[in-house]
Protein backbone atom coordinates (compact mmCIF):
# COMPACT_ATOMS: atom_id res chain seq x y z
CA MET A 1 181.95 146.95 69.63
CA ARG A 2 178.63 148.38 68.47
CA THR A 3 179.90 148.48 64.88
CA LEU A 4 180.85 144.81 65.07
CA LEU A 5 177.41 143.76 66.31
CA THR A 6 175.72 145.71 63.54
CA VAL A 7 177.86 144.08 60.89
CA LEU A 8 177.07 140.59 62.21
CA LEU A 9 173.36 141.34 62.25
CA LEU A 10 173.44 142.49 58.60
CA LEU A 11 175.37 139.34 57.57
CA ASN A 12 172.72 137.08 59.22
CA ILE A 13 169.93 138.88 57.44
CA LEU A 14 171.67 138.56 54.06
CA TYR A 15 172.27 134.86 54.71
CA PHE A 16 168.63 134.06 55.29
CA LEU A 17 167.45 136.22 52.39
CA TRP A 18 169.98 134.91 49.85
CA PRO A 19 168.25 132.46 47.44
CA LYS A 20 169.55 128.92 47.58
CA ALA A 21 170.32 127.20 44.29
CA ASP A 22 169.79 123.68 45.57
CA GLN A 23 166.20 124.24 46.71
CA SER A 24 163.75 121.68 45.25
CA PRO A 25 159.97 121.10 45.64
CA PRO A 26 158.85 118.82 48.42
CA PRO A 27 158.57 115.15 47.53
CA PRO A 28 155.09 113.89 46.61
CA LEU A 29 152.89 112.42 49.31
CA GLN A 30 153.38 108.68 49.45
CA ARG A 31 150.56 106.21 50.02
CA GLY A 32 152.44 104.08 52.45
CA GLN A 33 155.85 102.70 53.30
CA GLY A 34 156.50 98.99 53.15
CA GLU A 35 153.82 96.82 54.71
CA ILE A 36 152.38 99.57 57.02
CA PRO A 37 148.60 99.51 56.44
CA ILE A 38 146.59 102.67 56.05
CA LEU A 39 143.88 103.07 58.68
CA VAL A 40 140.35 103.05 57.44
CA THR A 41 137.50 104.10 59.77
CA LEU A 42 134.11 102.32 59.81
CA ASP A 43 132.48 105.34 58.17
CA GLU A 44 134.93 105.15 55.26
CA GLN A 45 134.78 101.51 54.41
CA TYR A 46 132.01 101.95 51.87
CA ASP A 47 133.01 105.40 50.58
CA MET A 48 133.86 104.07 47.11
CA PRO A 49 134.21 106.55 44.19
CA ALA A 50 131.04 107.29 42.26
CA PRO A 51 130.95 106.45 38.53
CA GLY A 52 132.95 109.05 36.55
CA SER A 53 134.67 110.40 39.69
CA ILE A 54 138.30 111.52 39.32
CA VAL A 55 139.12 109.72 42.55
CA PRO A 56 140.54 106.29 41.67
CA LEU A 57 139.64 103.03 43.42
CA GLU A 58 143.20 102.77 44.73
CA TYR A 59 143.56 106.26 46.08
CA ASP A 60 146.91 108.01 45.46
CA PRO A 61 147.31 111.52 46.86
CA GLU A 62 149.54 112.79 44.04
CA ALA A 63 147.27 111.56 41.24
CA TYR A 64 144.17 112.85 43.01
CA ARG A 65 145.75 116.25 43.44
CA ALA A 66 146.69 116.43 39.75
CA LYS A 67 143.21 115.47 38.55
CA THR A 68 141.60 117.79 41.06
CA GLN A 69 143.64 120.66 39.64
CA MET A 70 142.48 119.75 36.15
CA ALA A 71 138.81 119.65 37.23
CA SER A 72 139.14 122.97 38.98
CA ALA A 73 140.78 124.56 35.91
CA GLU A 74 138.00 123.25 33.62
CA GLY A 75 135.32 124.57 35.97
CA ASP A 76 136.95 127.97 36.10
CA ALA A 77 137.21 128.07 32.33
CA ALA A 78 133.49 127.25 31.90
CA SER A 79 132.40 129.96 34.31
CA SER A 80 134.89 132.66 33.26
CA PRO A 81 134.55 134.57 29.93
CA SER A 82 138.35 134.93 29.71
CA GLU A 83 140.67 132.81 27.61
CA PRO A 84 140.82 129.17 28.89
CA VAL A 85 144.05 128.02 30.56
CA ALA A 86 145.35 124.57 29.63
CA VAL A 87 146.69 122.44 32.49
CA GLU A 88 149.23 119.79 31.63
CA PRO A 89 149.29 116.71 33.85
CA THR A 90 152.55 116.19 35.59
CA GLU A 91 154.74 113.17 34.86
CA SER A 92 154.21 111.68 38.32
CA ALA A 93 150.41 112.03 37.96
CA ALA A 94 150.45 110.25 34.59
CA GLU A 95 152.55 107.43 35.96
CA THR A 96 150.22 107.07 38.96
CA ALA A 97 147.14 106.99 36.72
CA ASP A 98 148.73 104.21 34.64
CA ASP A 99 149.47 102.28 37.80
CA VAL A 100 145.88 102.67 38.95
CA LYS A 101 144.53 101.52 35.60
CA THR A 102 146.84 98.49 35.59
CA ALA A 103 145.71 97.57 39.08
CA GLN A 104 142.04 97.86 38.07
CA ASP A 105 142.59 95.82 34.87
CA SER A 106 144.23 93.01 36.87
CA GLY A 107 141.26 92.84 39.28
CA ALA A 108 143.18 94.06 42.34
CA THR A 109 141.05 95.17 45.28
CA LEU A 110 141.56 96.44 48.75
CA GLU A 111 141.63 92.87 49.98
CA ASP A 112 144.85 92.14 48.02
CA GLY A 113 146.95 94.70 49.83
CA PRO A 114 147.92 95.43 53.47
CA LEU A 115 144.29 96.31 54.28
CA ALA A 116 143.19 92.69 54.06
CA SER A 117 143.16 92.21 57.85
CA ILE A 118 141.21 95.46 58.41
CA THR A 119 138.68 94.63 55.69
CA GLN A 120 138.19 91.12 57.12
CA ALA A 121 137.61 92.51 60.67
CA ILE A 122 135.05 95.00 59.37
CA THR A 123 133.19 92.31 57.43
CA GLN A 124 133.12 90.00 60.40
CA ARG A 125 131.72 92.80 62.60
CA GLN A 126 128.96 93.45 60.03
CA GLU A 127 127.99 89.84 59.97
CA GLU A 128 127.75 89.68 63.77
CA THR A 129 125.62 92.80 63.82
CA LYS A 130 123.38 91.44 61.04
CA ASN A 131 122.74 88.17 62.91
CA LYS A 132 121.71 89.89 66.16
CA PRO A 133 117.95 89.97 66.57
CA ALA A 134 116.52 93.42 66.46
CA ALA A 135 115.15 94.65 69.80
CA VAL A 136 111.36 94.63 69.72
CA VAL A 137 109.97 97.72 71.45
CA ALA A 138 106.51 97.06 72.72
CA LYS A 139 104.08 99.77 71.94
CA ALA A 140 102.95 101.36 75.18
CA GLN A 141 99.31 100.66 75.80
CA PRO A 142 97.17 103.05 77.92
CA ALA A 143 96.65 101.69 81.40
CA LYS A 144 93.12 100.34 81.95
CA PRO A 145 91.23 101.84 84.90
CA VAL A 146 91.27 99.53 87.93
CA LYS A 147 87.85 98.33 89.13
CA ALA A 148 87.11 99.20 92.76
CA CYS A 149 84.39 97.64 94.90
CA PHE A 150 82.74 98.99 98.02
CA THR A 151 79.68 98.50 100.20
CA LEU A 152 77.68 101.31 101.74
CA GLY A 153 75.43 100.76 104.76
CA PRO A 154 73.59 99.77 106.76
CA PHE A 155 70.46 101.67 105.81
CA ARG A 156 67.27 101.41 107.87
CA MET A 157 65.02 102.81 105.15
CA GLU A 158 64.82 101.27 101.72
CA GLU A 159 63.87 104.69 100.19
CA LYS A 160 67.23 106.05 101.21
CA THR A 161 69.09 103.27 99.46
CA ARG A 162 67.25 103.97 96.18
CA LYS A 163 68.31 107.64 96.29
CA VAL A 164 71.95 106.67 96.89
CA ILE A 165 71.82 104.19 93.98
CA ASP A 166 70.55 106.93 91.64
CA ASP A 167 73.35 109.30 92.74
CA LEU A 168 76.00 106.63 92.18
CA THR A 169 74.62 105.75 88.75
CA ARG A 170 74.95 109.37 87.69
CA LEU A 171 78.61 109.21 88.73
CA GLY A 172 79.20 106.24 86.40
CA ALA A 173 79.22 103.53 89.08
CA LYS A 174 77.28 100.29 89.15
CA ALA A 175 75.24 100.06 92.34
CA THR A 176 72.85 97.34 93.54
CA GLN A 177 70.72 96.95 96.67
CA ARG A 178 71.07 94.06 99.07
CA SER A 179 68.85 93.40 102.12
CA ALA A 180 69.67 91.53 105.32
CA VAL A 181 68.35 90.94 108.82
CA GLU A 182 70.31 92.62 111.57
CA ARG A 183 70.24 91.34 115.13
CA ARG A 184 71.09 93.74 117.89
CA THR A 185 71.20 93.43 121.65
CA ARG A 186 68.07 94.77 123.19
CA GLY A 187 69.01 94.16 126.81
CA TYR A 188 69.85 91.71 129.64
CA TRP A 189 66.89 89.86 131.18
CA VAL A 190 67.21 88.74 134.82
CA TYR A 191 64.71 86.15 136.05
CA LEU A 192 64.11 83.30 138.43
CA PRO A 193 63.68 79.91 136.71
CA PRO A 194 60.14 78.59 136.16
CA TYR A 195 58.34 77.05 139.16
CA ALA A 196 56.37 73.82 139.09
CA SER A 197 53.02 75.67 139.08
CA ARG A 198 51.59 79.10 138.87
CA GLU A 199 50.60 78.99 142.56
CA GLN A 200 54.21 78.45 143.63
CA ALA A 201 55.41 81.27 141.40
CA SER A 202 52.78 83.64 142.85
CA THR A 203 53.69 82.68 146.44
CA GLU A 204 57.39 83.35 145.81
CA ALA A 205 56.55 86.69 144.23
CA GLN A 206 54.75 87.77 147.40
CA ILE A 207 57.82 86.87 149.44
CA LEU A 208 59.96 89.09 147.19
CA THR A 209 57.61 91.95 147.90
CA THR A 210 58.16 91.57 151.61
CA ARG A 211 61.95 91.73 150.95
CA GLY A 212 61.68 95.04 149.09
CA LEU A 213 61.53 93.81 145.47
CA THR A 214 58.41 95.14 143.79
CA ASP A 215 59.42 95.39 140.11
CA TYR A 216 58.66 91.85 138.96
CA PHE A 217 55.92 89.84 137.26
CA VAL A 218 55.08 86.17 136.75
CA VAL A 219 55.62 84.93 133.20
CA ASN A 220 52.72 82.94 131.76
CA ASP A 221 53.71 82.02 128.18
CA GLY A 222 56.29 80.02 126.27
CA GLN A 223 59.18 78.10 127.61
CA HIS A 224 59.52 80.50 130.55
CA ASP A 225 55.99 79.85 131.82
CA ASN A 226 55.75 80.36 135.65
CA ALA A 227 59.15 82.10 135.77
CA ILE A 228 59.50 85.37 137.72
CA SER A 229 60.91 88.23 135.63
CA LEU A 230 63.04 90.68 137.67
CA GLY A 231 63.85 93.24 134.96
CA LEU A 232 65.29 93.83 131.47
CA PHE A 233 68.44 95.97 131.72
CA THR A 234 69.90 97.86 128.79
CA LEU A 235 73.36 97.85 130.35
CA LYS A 236 75.06 94.71 131.43
CA SER A 237 76.28 96.43 134.59
CA GLY A 238 72.67 97.00 135.69
CA SER A 239 71.85 93.36 135.28
CA GLU A 240 74.92 92.37 137.27
CA ARG A 241 73.81 94.51 140.24
CA ARG A 242 70.39 92.94 140.27
CA ILE A 243 71.89 89.42 140.18
CA GLN A 244 74.10 90.17 143.13
CA GLN A 245 71.09 91.53 145.06
CA LEU A 246 69.12 88.35 144.49
CA LYS A 247 72.08 86.18 145.44
CA ASP A 248 72.38 88.07 148.72
CA LEU A 249 68.75 87.11 149.43
CA GLY A 250 69.52 83.46 148.74
CA TYR A 251 68.15 83.13 145.25
CA LYS A 252 69.81 81.65 142.16
CA PRO A 253 68.84 84.07 139.37
CA LYS A 254 69.65 83.64 135.69
CA VAL A 255 70.42 86.20 132.97
CA GLU A 256 69.60 85.97 129.30
CA VAL A 257 70.58 88.31 126.52
CA ARG A 258 67.61 89.56 124.47
CA PHE A 259 67.96 90.53 120.84
CA SER A 260 65.93 92.56 118.40
CA GLU A 261 65.81 91.74 114.70
CA PHE A 262 65.00 94.19 111.96
CA PRO A 263 65.68 94.56 108.20
CA VAL A 264 68.64 96.55 106.95
CA TYR A 265 69.82 97.45 103.48
CA TRP A 266 73.26 97.61 101.85
CA VAL A 267 74.39 99.07 98.58
CA ASP A 268 77.09 97.16 96.70
CA ILE A 269 79.21 99.31 94.35
CA GLU A 270 81.49 98.51 91.42
CA THR A 271 83.19 101.36 89.57
CA ARG A 272 86.12 102.16 87.31
CA LYS A 273 85.53 105.87 87.65
CA LYS A 274 87.36 108.09 90.05
CA VAL A 275 84.88 109.14 92.75
CA ASP A 276 85.51 111.80 95.37
CA TRP A 277 84.25 109.62 98.21
CA SER A 278 84.96 112.15 100.92
CA THR A 279 82.66 114.71 99.35
CA PHE A 280 80.04 112.10 98.44
CA MET A 281 79.87 110.74 102.03
CA GLN A 282 79.76 114.16 103.61
CA LYS A 283 77.02 115.34 101.28
CA ASN A 284 74.75 112.30 101.62
CA PHE A 285 75.51 111.23 105.20
CA PRO A 286 76.47 114.30 107.26
CA LYS A 287 75.83 112.49 110.53
CA GLY A 288 78.29 109.79 109.69
CA ARG A 289 76.04 106.81 110.41
CA ILE A 290 76.71 105.07 107.14
CA ASP A 291 79.97 103.25 106.54
CA ARG A 292 81.91 102.69 103.29
CA LEU A 293 83.52 99.28 103.37
CA LYS A 294 86.03 98.05 100.80
CA ARG A 295 85.36 94.56 99.52
CA SER A 296 86.66 92.12 96.93
CA CYS A 297 85.37 92.46 93.36
CA SER A 298 85.35 88.68 92.75
């Protein structure tokens, strides 16, 4: 059994190694069969042969291979000192070259063959792309600093505002002074309305003394002439207690708010610079009695 297997193995080896008489070279590469078009990519549509190139306008693989072999042989002969080797063109290459020349002489182009539809589609796409407006990219401009406007105040002393204006000017801000009159509540005045004469006002004042009210005086000027003043109270609650006391005694007192007017100063600021306002306010106004108010720049 082992001998039989060995003989069969040797016969198989001899069969594969035995030269075949009917072997022939592979057929040449064909350009295409029937009406089947050859695909052409967008990058290849304008890859036309340069003047003097061995690649024909109507590319044929077999002819191109033959001419490439000739060019390679000529290059090797020029660079090598040995005897040049002549390369004879094959019959199929010569026939292909004649066909290419005939096609070129007759004016045939890619548009006359099965590539007409592909060429037309590529041309249409190029026209559409050409007609599209180019996107205009706006050049980025640096952002302009935003103007900010503030008001500092109120200041009681004009000299202080001048110092603040100088400090702001050194920081690159535009600062101007503005003055105004501020009216603040001084107190609540409680009084009895004016009497017909000074004698009547004096008589009523003596009666108040007998009832335990001693902090009063008779007014003798202005629109409140002959009125009896019963106190100026800083707090409203103090004036309300005095009013209730007089009502309990049968009187009809009145209360009037008194104001004080005095000049104040403000500093209006316009700046496009970045200012560290927290540090500025803490340095110049450590007691926090000055406000920074944001305002419109218009």
